[in-house]
Amino acid sequence: MASSLPLGMSLEASSELEGIVVDAEQVERIGTPAVQVLLAAARTLSADGRAFALRKSSPAVCSAFEDLGLIDELKRWGDI
């Protein structure tokens, strides 16, 4: 099931889903708080036995994760 809802709404609705796929292709800027939300979502879903994937990570997303020392997390979920 694909969704283009805002991230917060998508996370709330995720309790009924097997997992979440975030398409990050058009992200032009991303800050630390947004990265924290993605990390929390991934860890929560994983703990519940559900999937989390970050697809088509833009250069901005890759750079943010790299700057925060989290590139291995991004590689685990993404297709970079």
PDB file of N, CA and C in Angstrom:
ATOM      1  N   MET A   1       0.843  -1.175   0.000  1.00  0.00           N
ATOM      2  CA  MET A   1       0.000   0.000   0.000  1.00  0.00           C
ATOM      3  C   MET A   1       0.886   1.234   0.000  1.00  0.00           C
ATOM      4  N   ALA A   2       0.739   2.062  -1.000  1.00  0.00           N
ATOM      5  CA  ALA A   2       1.530   3.277  -1.094  1.00  0.00           C
ATOM      6  C   ALA A   2       0.737   4.447  -0.543  1.00  0.00           C
ATOM      7  N   SER A   3       1.463   5.404   0.012  1.00  0.00           N
ATOM      8  CA  SER A   3       0.802   6.557   0.594  1.00  0.00           C
ATOM      9  C   SER A   3       1.646   7.785   0.381  1.00  0.00           C
ATOM     10  N   SER A   4       0.987   8.909   0.160  1.00  0.00           N
ATOM     11  CA  SER A   4       1.719  10.168   0.076  1.00  0.00           C
ATOM     12  C   SER A   4       1.284  11.092   1.203  1.00  0.00           C
ATOM     13  N   LEU A   5       0.841  10.518   2.296  1.00  0.00           N
ATOM     14  CA  LEU A   5       0.448  11.287   3.467  1.00  0.00           C
ATOM     15  C   LEU A   5       1.675  11.879   4.137  1.00  0.00           C
ATOM     16  N   PRO A   6       1.497  12.966   4.889  1.00  0.00           N
ATOM     17  CA  PRO A   6       2.623  13.484   5.677  1.00  0.00           C
ATOM     18  C   PRO A   6       3.154  12.388   6.600  1.00  0.00           C
ATOM     19  N   LEU A   7       4.438  12.434   6.899  1.00  0.00           N
ATOM     20  CA  LEU A   7       5.092  11.362   7.651  1.00  0.00           C
ATOM     21  C   LEU A   7       4.382  11.040   8.961  1.00  0.00           C
ATOM     22  N   GLY A   8       4.016  12.049   9.744  1.00  0.00           N
ATOM     23  CA  GLY A   8       3.348  11.798  11.019  1.00  0.00           C
ATOM     24  C   GLY A   8       2.064  11.027  10.844  1.00  0.00           C
ATOM     25  N   MET A   9       1.272  11.399   9.852  1.00  0.00           N
ATOM     26  CA  MET A   9       0.022  10.702   9.593  1.00  0.00           C
ATOM     27  C   MET A   9       0.291   9.283   9.113  1.00  0.00           C
ATOM     28  N   SER A  10       1.310   9.111   8.297  1.00  0.00           N
ATOM     29  CA  SER A  10       1.641   7.782   7.804  1.00  0.00           C
ATOM     30  C   SER A  10       2.060   6.869   8.943  1.00  0.00           C
ATOM     31  N   LEU A  11       2.814   7.403   9.898  1.00  0.00           N
ATOM     32  CA  LEU A  11       3.262   6.592  11.030  1.00  0.00           C
ATOM     33  C   LEU A  11       2.086   6.186  11.900  1.00  0.00           C
ATOM     34  N   GLU A  12       1.136   7.102  12.098  1.00  0.00           N
ATOM     35  CA  GLU A  12      -0.046   6.772  12.887  1.00  0.00           C
ATOM     36  C   GLU A  12      -0.856   5.672  12.217  1.00  0.00           C
ATOM     37  N   ALA A  13      -0.973   5.728  10.908  1.00  0.00           N
ATOM     38  CA  ALA A  13      -1.755   4.746  10.168  1.00  0.00           C
ATOM     39  C   ALA A  13      -1.014   3.419  10.011  1.00  0.00           C
ATOM     40  N   SER A  14       0.259   3.397  10.308  1.00  0.00           N
ATOM     41  CA  SER A  14       1.073   2.210  10.050  1.00  0.00           C
ATOM     42  C   SER A  14       0.735   1.016  10.926  1.00  0.00           C
ATOM     43  N   SER A  15      -0.018   1.231  11.995  1.00  0.00           N
ATOM     44  CA  SER A  15      -0.329   0.116  12.884  1.00  0.00           C
ATOM     45  C   SER A  15      -1.102  -0.980  12.172  1.00  0.00           C
ATOM     46  N   GLU A  16      -1.724  -0.649  11.058  1.00  0.00           N
ATOM     47  CA  GLU A  16      -2.490  -1.625  10.302  1.00  0.00           C
ATOM     48  C   GLU A  16      -1.691  -2.212   9.132  1.00  0.00           C
ATOM     49  N   LEU A  17      -0.486  -1.755   8.935  1.00  0.00           N
ATOM     50  CA  LEU A  17       0.311  -2.163   7.788  1.00  0.00           C
ATOM     51  C   LEU A  17       1.442  -3.101   8.195  1.00  0.00           C
ATOM     52  N   GLU A  18       1.964  -3.819   7.215  1.00  0.00           N
ATOM     53  CA  GLU A  18       3.116  -4.701   7.450  1.00  0.00           C
ATOM     54  C   GLU A  18       4.410  -3.918   7.546  1.00  0.00           C
ATOM     55  N   GLY A  19       4.395  -2.697   7.058  1.00  0.00           N
ATOM     56  CA  GLY A  19       5.593  -1.872   7.095  1.00  0.00           C
ATOM     57  C   GLY A  19       5.371  -0.569   6.364  1.00  0.00           C
ATOM     58  N   ILE A  20       6.445   0.194   6.263  1.00  0.00           N
ATOM     59  CA  ILE A  20       6.397   1.501   5.603  1.00  0.00           C
ATOM     60  C   ILE A  20       7.564   1.608   4.632  1.00  0.00           C
ATOM     61  N   VAL A  21       7.287   2.173   3.462  1.00  0.00           N
ATOM     62  CA  VAL A  21       8.319   2.515   2.497  1.00  0.00           C
ATOM     63  C   VAL A  21       8.249   4.021   2.301  1.00  0.00           C
ATOM     64  N   VAL A  22       9.363   4.705   2.548  1.00  0.00           N
ATOM     65  CA  VAL A  22       9.449   6.149   2.375  1.00  0.00           C
ATOM     66  C   VAL A  22      10.236   6.425   1.103  1.00  0.00           C
ATOM     67  N   ASP A  23       9.625   7.154   0.181  1.00  0.00           N
ATOM     68  CA  ASP A  23      10.291   7.552  -1.058  1.00  0.00           C
ATOM     69  C   ASP A  23      10.947   8.908  -0.804  1.00  0.00           C
ATOM     70  N   ALA A  24      12.271   8.944  -0.798  1.00  0.00           N
ATOM     71  CA  ALA A  24      13.007  10.164  -0.448  1.00  0.00           C
ATOM     72  C   ALA A  24      13.668  10.821  -1.655  1.00  0.00           C
ATOM     73  N   GLU A  25      13.187  10.494  -2.835  1.00  0.00           N
ATOM     74  CA  GLU A  25      13.810  10.975  -4.065  1.00  0.00           C
ATOM     75  C   GLU A  25      13.756  12.496  -4.211  1.00  0.00           C
ATOM     76  N   GLN A  26      12.686  13.119  -3.780  1.00  0.00           N
ATOM     77  CA  GLN A  26      12.527  14.554  -3.991  1.00  0.00           C
ATOM     78  C   GLN A  26      12.903  15.398  -2.778  1.00  0.00           C
ATOM     79  N   VAL A  27      13.500  14.795  -1.777  1.00  0.00           N
ATOM     80  CA  VAL A  27      13.909  15.549  -0.585  1.00  0.00           C
ATOM     81  C   VAL A  27      15.083  16.456  -0.952  1.00  0.00           C
ATOM     82  N   GLU A  28      14.889  17.752  -0.717  1.00  0.00           N
ATOM     83  CA  GLU A  28      15.940  18.729  -1.015  1.00  0.00           C
ATOM     84  C   GLU A  28      16.698  19.163   0.226  1.00  0.00           C
ATOM     85  N   ARG A  29      16.011  19.116   1.391  1.00  0.00           N
ATOM     86  CA  ARG A  29      16.649  19.458   2.669  1.00  0.00           C
ATOM     87  C   ARG A  29      16.075  18.534   3.725  1.00  0.00           C
ATOM     88  N   ILE A  30      16.939  18.134   4.648  1.00  0.00           N
ATOM     89  CA  ILE A  30      16.482  17.312   5.768  1.00  0.00           C
ATOM     90  C   ILE A  30      17.360  17.640   6.973  1.00  0.00           C
ATOM     91  N   GLY A  31      16.720  17.865   8.092  1.00  0.00           N
ATOM     92  CA  GLY A  31      17.447  18.214   9.302  1.00  0.00           C
ATOM     93  C   GLY A  31      17.519  17.048  10.271  1.00  0.00           C
ATOM     94  N   THR A  32      18.268  17.255  11.317  1.00  0.00           N
ATOM     95  CA  THR A  32      18.448  16.222  12.330  1.00  0.00           C
ATOM     96  C   THR A  32      17.122  15.733  12.919  1.00  0.00           C
ATOM     97  N   PRO A  33      16.167  16.626  13.230  1.00  0.00           N
ATOM     98  CA  PRO A  33      14.900  16.112  13.782  1.00  0.00           C
ATOM     99  C   PRO A  33      14.182  15.140  12.849  1.00  0.00           C
ATOM    100  N   ALA A  34      14.211  15.404  11.558  1.00  0.00           N
ATOM    101  CA  ALA A  34      13.564  14.497  10.597  1.00  0.00           C
ATOM    102  C   ALA A  34      14.295  13.159  10.548  1.00  0.00           C
ATOM    103  N   VAL A  35      15.604  13.196  10.621  1.00  0.00           N
ATOM    104  CA  VAL A  35      16.382  11.949  10.649  1.00  0.00           C
ATOM    105  C   VAL A  35      16.030  11.160  11.916  1.00  0.00           C
ATOM    106  N   GLN A  36      15.875  11.863  13.036  1.00  0.00           N
ATOM    107  CA  GLN A  36      15.502  11.197  14.286  1.00  0.00           C
ATOM    108  C   GLN A  36      14.134  10.519  14.168  1.00  0.00           C
ATOM    109  N   VAL A  37      13.193  11.169  13.508  1.00  0.00           N
ATOM    110  CA  VAL A  37      11.873  10.578  13.307  1.00  0.00           C
ATOM    111  C   VAL A  37      11.979   9.314  12.463  1.00  0.00           C
ATOM    112  N   LEU A  38      12.787   9.364  11.421  1.00  0.00           N
ATOM    113  CA  LEU A  38      12.981   8.175  10.578  1.00  0.00           C
ATOM    114  C   LEU A  38      13.622   7.037  11.373  1.00  0.00           C
ATOM    115  N   LEU A  39      14.627   7.359  12.184  1.00  0.00           N
ATOM    116  CA  LEU A  39      15.273   6.345  13.019  1.00  0.00           C
ATOM    117  C   LEU A  39      14.281   5.728  13.997  1.00  0.00           C
ATOM    118  N   ALA A  40      13.483   6.563  14.647  1.00  0.00           N
ATOM    119  CA  ALA A  40      12.498   6.070  15.610  1.00  0.00           C
ATOM    120  C   ALA A  40      11.470   5.183  14.919  1.00  0.00           C
ATOM    121  N   ALA A  41      11.020   5.598  13.757  1.00  0.00           N
ATOM    122  CA  ALA A  41      10.043   4.792  13.012  1.00  0.00           C
ATOM    123  C   ALA A  41      10.635   3.441  12.641  1.00  0.00           C
ATOM    124  N   ALA A  42      11.849   3.446  12.137  1.00  0.00           N
ATOM    125  CA  ALA A  42      12.498   2.200  11.729  1.00  0.00           C
ATOM    126  C   ALA A  42      12.668   1.254  12.911  1.00  0.00           C
ATOM    127  N   ARG A  43      13.101   1.791  14.023  1.00  0.00           N
ATOM    128  CA  ARG A  43      13.326   0.943  15.207  1.00  0.00           C
ATOM    129  C   ARG A  43      12.016   0.442  15.799  1.00  0.00           C
ATOM    130  N   THR A  44      10.990   1.286  15.810  1.00  0.00           N
ATOM    131  CA  THR A  44       9.679   0.866  16.326  1.00  0.00           C
ATOM    132  C   THR A  44       9.084  -0.226  15.456  1.00  0.00           C
ATOM    133  N   LEU A  45       9.124  -0.011  14.156  1.00  0.00           N
ATOM    134  CA  LEU A  45       8.584  -1.019  13.240  1.00  0.00           C
ATOM    135  C   LEU A  45       9.356  -2.327  13.352  1.00  0.00           C
ATOM    136  N   SER A  46      10.669  -2.234  13.436  1.00  0.00           N
ATOM    137  CA  SER A  46      11.500  -3.431  13.564  1.00  0.00           C
ATOM    138  C   SER A  46      11.164  -4.198  14.839  1.00  0.00           C
ATOM    139  N   ALA A  47      10.985  -3.478  15.929  1.00  0.00           N
ATOM    140  CA  ALA A  47      10.652  -4.124  17.200  1.00  0.00           C
ATOM    141  C   ALA A  47       9.301  -4.825  17.133  1.00  0.00           C
ATOM    142  N   ASP A  48       8.409  -4.320  16.273  1.00  0.00           N
ATOM    143  CA  ASP A  48       7.094  -4.924  16.083  1.00  0.00           C
ATOM    144  C   ASP A  48       7.101  -6.011  15.010  1.00  0.00           C
ATOM    145  N   GLY A  49       8.282  -6.289  14.448  1.00  0.00           N
ATOM    146  CA  GLY A  49       8.389  -7.301  13.406  1.00  0.00           C
ATOM    147  C   GLY A  49       7.889  -6.838  12.052  1.00  0.00           C
ATOM    148  N   ARG A  50       7.890  -5.510  11.854  1.00  0.00           N
ATOM    149  CA  ARG A  50       7.436  -4.962  10.579  1.00  0.00           C
ATOM    150  C   ARG A  50       8.599  -4.308   9.838  1.00  0.00           C
ATOM    151  N   ALA A  51       8.402  -4.056   8.573  1.00  0.00           N
ATOM    152  CA  ALA A  51       9.477  -3.556   7.712  1.00  0.00           C
ATOM    153  C   ALA A  51       9.484  -2.032   7.625  1.00  0.00           C
ATOM    154  N   PHE A  52      10.671  -1.487   7.386  1.00  0.00           N
ATOM    155  CA  PHE A  52      10.858  -0.069   7.110  1.00  0.00           C
ATOM    156  C   PHE A  52      11.874   0.035   5.993  1.00  0.00           C
ATOM    157  N   ALA A  53      11.568   0.831   4.980  1.00  0.00           N
ATOM    158  CA  ALA A  53      12.510   1.018   3.881  1.00  0.00           C
ATOM    159  C   ALA A  53      12.517   2.476   3.458  1.00  0.00           C
ATOM    160  N   LEU A  54      13.687   2.960   3.127  1.00  0.00           N
ATOM    161  CA  LEU A  54      13.866   4.316   2.617  1.00  0.00           C
ATOM    162  C   LEU A  54      14.411   4.155   1.207  1.00  0.00           C
ATOM    163  N   ARG A  55      13.619   4.515   0.216  1.00  0.00           N
ATOM    164  CA  ARG A  55      13.971   4.283  -1.183  1.00  0.00           C
ATOM    165  C   ARG A  55      14.320   5.582  -1.900  1.00  0.00           C
ATOM    166  N   LYS A  56      15.163   5.448  -2.887  1.00  0.00           N
ATOM    167  CA  LYS A  56      15.539   6.568  -3.754  1.00  0.00           C
ATOM    168  C   LYS A  56      16.036   7.770  -2.953  1.00  0.00           C
ATOM    169  N   SER A  57      16.914   7.521  -2.030  1.00  0.00           N
ATOM    170  CA  SER A  57      17.437   8.600  -1.181  1.00  0.00           C
ATOM    171  C   SER A  57      18.135   9.661  -2.012  1.00  0.00           C
ATOM    172  N   SER A  58      17.697  10.876  -1.859  1.00  0.00           N
ATOM    173  CA  SER A  58      18.290  11.996  -2.587  1.00  0.00           C
ATOM    174  C   SER A  58      19.682  12.287  -2.035  1.00  0.00           C
ATOM    175  N   PRO A  59      20.478  13.066  -2.768  1.00  0.00           N
ATOM    176  CA  PRO A  59      21.786  13.464  -2.244  1.00  0.00           C
ATOM    177  C   PRO A  59      21.687  14.165  -0.891  1.00  0.00           C
ATOM    178  N   ALA A  60      20.631  14.960  -0.675  1.00  0.00           N
ATOM    179  CA  ALA A  60      20.465  15.649   0.606  1.00  0.00           C
ATOM    180  C   ALA A  60      20.276  14.657   1.749  1.00  0.00           C
ATOM    181  N   VAL A  61      19.502  13.614   1.509  1.00  0.00           N
ATOM    182  CA  VAL A  61      19.274  12.589   2.537  1.00  0.00           C
ATOM    183  C   VAL A  61      20.574  11.850   2.826  1.00  0.00           C
ATOM    184  N   CYS A  62      21.255  11.438   1.784  1.00  0.00           N
ATOM    185  CA  CYS A  62      22.524  10.730   1.962  1.00  0.00           C
ATOM    186  C   CYS A  62      23.525  11.587   2.728  1.00  0.00           C
ATOM    187  N   SER A  63      23.599  12.855   2.389  1.00  0.00           N
ATOM    188  CA  SER A  63      24.527  13.769   3.048  1.00  0.00           C
ATOM    189  C   SER A  63      24.184  13.942   4.527  1.00  0.00           C
ATOM    190  N   ALA A  64      22.903  14.079   4.837  1.00  0.00           N
ATOM    191  CA  ALA A  64      22.491  14.249   6.235  1.00  0.00           C
ATOM    192  C   ALA A  64      22.859  13.028   7.063  1.00  0.00           C
ATOM    193  N   PHE A  65      22.591  11.850   6.554  1.00  0.00           N
ATOM    194  CA  PHE A  65      22.926  10.635   7.283  1.00  0.00           C
ATOM    195  C   PHE A  65      24.440  10.489   7.423  1.00  0.00           C
ATOM    196  N   GLU A  66      25.162  10.842   6.387  1.00  0.00           N
ATOM    197  CA  GLU A  66      26.628  10.792   6.426  1.00  0.00           C
ATOM    198  C   GLU A  66      27.163  11.755   7.484  1.00  0.00           C
ATOM    199  N   ASP A  67      26.669  12.988   7.484  1.00  0.00           N
ATOM    200  CA  ASP A  67      27.118  14.006   8.434  1.00  0.00           C
ATOM    201  C   ASP A  67      26.858  13.592   9.881  1.00  0.00           C
ATOM    202  N   LEU A  68      25.775  12.847  10.099  1.00  0.00           N
ATOM    203  CA  LEU A  68      25.416  12.419  11.452  1.00  0.00           C
ATOM    204  C   LEU A  68      26.043  11.071  11.835  1.00  0.00           C
ATOM    205  N   GLY A  69      26.856  10.530  10.947  1.00  0.00           N
ATOM    206  CA  GLY A  69      27.505   9.249  11.226  1.00  0.00           C
ATOM    207  C   GLY A  69      26.534   8.076  11.176  1.00  0.00           C
ATOM    208  N   LEU A  70      25.464   8.221  10.399  1.00  0.00           N
ATOM    209  CA  LEU A  70      24.416   7.200  10.351  1.00  0.00           C
ATOM    210  C   LEU A  70      24.284   6.544   8.980  1.00  0.00           C
ATOM    211  N   ILE A  71      25.322   6.622   8.186  1.00  0.00           N
ATOM    212  CA  ILE A  71      25.241   6.077   6.826  1.00  0.00           C
ATOM    213  C   ILE A  71      24.955   4.566   6.837  1.00  0.00           C
ATOM    214  N   ASP A  72      25.446   3.852   7.844  1.00  0.00           N
ATOM    215  CA  ASP A  72      25.168   2.412   7.913  1.00  0.00           C
ATOM    216  C   ASP A  72      23.682   2.137   8.138  1.00  0.00           C
ATOM    217  N   GLU A  73      23.015   2.990   8.910  1.00  0.00           N
ATOM    218  CA  GLU A  73      21.565   2.866   9.097  1.00  0.00           C
ATOM    219  C   GLU A  73      20.866   3.050   7.760  1.00  0.00           C
ATOM    220  N   LEU A  74      21.263   4.081   7.024  1.00  0.00           N
ATOM    221  CA  LEU A  74      20.651   4.349   5.732  1.00  0.00           C
ATOM    222  C   LEU A  74      20.872   3.177   4.777  1.00  0.00           C
ATOM    223  N   LYS A  75      22.054   2.624   4.778  1.00  0.00           N
ATOM    224  CA  LYS A  75      22.343   1.484   3.908  1.00  0.00           C
ATOM    225  C   LYS A  75      21.492   0.281   4.284  1.00  0.00           C
ATOM    226  N   ARG A  76      21.194   0.118   5.560  1.00  0.00           N
ATOM    227  CA  ARG A  76      20.392  -1.014   6.009  1.00  0.00           C
ATOM    228  C   ARG A  76      18.971  -0.943   5.465  1.00  0.00           C
ATOM    229  N   TRP A  77      18.406   0.264   5.387  1.00  0.00           N
ATOM    230  CA  TRP A  77      17.021   0.394   4.943  1.00  0.00           C
ATOM    231  C   TRP A  77      16.888   0.758   3.497  1.00  0.00           C
ATOM    232  N   GLY A  78      17.934   1.320   2.915  1.00  0.00           N
ATOM    233  CA  GLY A  78      17.771   1.958   1.618  1.00  0.00           C
ATOM    234  C   GLY A  78      18.409   1.250   0.458  1.00  0.00           C
ATOM    235  N   ASP A  79      18.311   1.925  -0.655  1.00  0.00           N
ATOM    236  CA  ASP A  79      18.872   1.406  -1.901  1.00  0.00           C
ATOM    237  C   ASP A  79      19.938   2.360  -2.416  1.00  0.00           C
ATOM    238  N   ILE A  80      20.796   2.804  -1.496  1.00  0.00           N
ATOM    239  CA  ILE A  80      21.856   3.733  -1.904  1.00  0.00           C
ATOM    240  C   ILE A  80      23.074   2.956  -2.349  1.00  0.00           C
TER     241      ILE A  80
END
